Amino acid sequence: MLSNLKPVDYVVIFNEDTPYNSIKKILPDILVKGADWAEDKIVGSDIVKQSGGEIKRITFVENNSSTNIIEKIIQLYTK
């Protein structure tokens, strides 16, 4: 779903404890995380800022999660 968004260049699945190495390799212009994270606690924020990128923290919207969207799609198309 995310990869189909026009402003999204990469969606990465990683098999490590954190995405640090992926972020270091990709060097994103923008790193997005939930607003419940303090910027200094966001893994890879140091790399992104050092390379001139931005950290964006987005507000959680109640009942509007990717998990809920996926569940709705499954319900609609598995009848």
Protein backbone atom coordinates (compact mmCIF):
# COMPACT_ATOMS: atom_id res chain seq x y z
CA MET A 1 0.00 0.00 0.00
CA LEU A 2 2.70 2.48 0.96
CA SER A 3 4.78 1.80 -2.13
CA ASN A 4 1.86 2.94 -4.30
CA LEU A 5 1.87 6.42 -2.79
CA LYS A 6 3.37 8.92 -5.22
CA PRO A 7 5.79 10.57 -2.74
CA VAL A 8 7.13 7.17 -1.54
CA ASP A 9 10.32 5.99 -3.24
CA TYR A 10 11.11 2.97 -1.06
CA VAL A 11 9.38 0.71 1.41
CA VAL A 12 11.88 -1.52 3.17
CA ILE A 13 11.35 -4.73 5.11
CA PHE A 14 14.32 -5.50 7.32
CA ASN A 15 15.37 -8.49 9.43
CA GLU A 16 17.28 -6.59 12.09
CA ASP A 17 16.31 -5.19 15.48
CA THR A 18 16.25 -1.66 14.06
CA PRO A 19 16.18 -0.07 10.59
CA TYR A 20 19.48 1.77 11.27
CA ASN A 21 21.53 0.02 8.57
CA SER A 22 18.75 0.37 5.98
CA ILE A 23 18.43 4.09 6.74
CA LYS A 24 22.21 4.48 6.49
CA LYS A 25 22.20 2.80 3.07
CA ILE A 26 19.15 4.59 1.61
CA LEU A 27 19.73 8.06 3.15
CA PRO A 28 16.09 9.16 2.88
CA ASP A 29 15.18 12.81 2.38
CA ILE A 30 12.36 12.38 4.89
CA LEU A 31 12.06 9.86 7.72
CA VAL A 32 8.51 9.51 9.09
CA LYS A 33 7.61 8.20 12.52
CA GLY A 34 4.62 8.53 14.86
CA ALA A 35 4.32 11.66 16.98
CA ASP A 36 4.53 9.49 20.09
CA TRP A 37 8.28 9.16 19.43
CA ALA A 38 10.67 11.85 20.66
CA GLU A 39 12.82 12.92 17.71
CA ASP A 40 16.06 12.04 19.49
CA LYS A 41 14.74 8.49 20.07
CA ILE A 42 13.91 7.82 16.41
CA VAL A 43 16.37 5.28 15.06
CA GLY A 44 18.34 6.77 12.18
CA SER A 45 17.31 10.38 12.82
CA ASP A 46 20.97 11.29 13.29
CA ILE A 47 21.87 9.88 9.86
CA VAL A 48 18.97 11.61 8.10
CA LYS A 49 19.70 15.00 9.68
CA GLN A 50 23.44 14.74 8.97
CA SER A 51 22.70 14.09 5.30
CA GLY A 52 20.39 17.13 5.09
CA GLY A 53 17.11 15.23 5.44
CA GLU A 54 14.11 15.89 7.65
CA ILE A 55 12.38 13.99 10.43
CA LYS A 56 8.57 14.15 10.28
CA ARG A 57 6.47 13.01 13.22
CA ILE A 58 2.84 12.36 12.34
CA THR A 59 -0.13 12.32 14.67
CA PHE A 60 -1.97 9.06 15.23
CA VAL A 61 -5.54 9.08 13.92
CA GLU A 62 -7.89 6.88 15.96
CA ASN A 63 -9.24 3.86 14.03
CA ASN A 64 -7.21 4.80 10.95
CA SER A 65 -4.34 2.34 10.90
CA SER A 66 -2.86 0.30 8.08
CA THR A 67 -3.87 -2.84 9.97
CA ASN A 68 -7.52 -1.72 10.00
CA ILE A 69 -7.39 -0.88 6.28
CA ILE A 70 -5.89 -4.28 5.42
CA GLU A 71 -8.53 -6.05 7.51
CA LYS A 72 -11.31 -4.17 5.69
CA ILE A 73 -9.83 -5.10 2.30
CA ILE A 74 -9.61 -8.76 3.31
CA GLN A 75 -13.22 -8.72 4.51
CA LEU A 76 -14.44 -7.14 1.27
CA TYR A 77 -12.56 -9.42 -1.10
CA THR A 78 -12.72 -12.80 0.63
CA LYS A 79 -16.49 -13.23 0.56
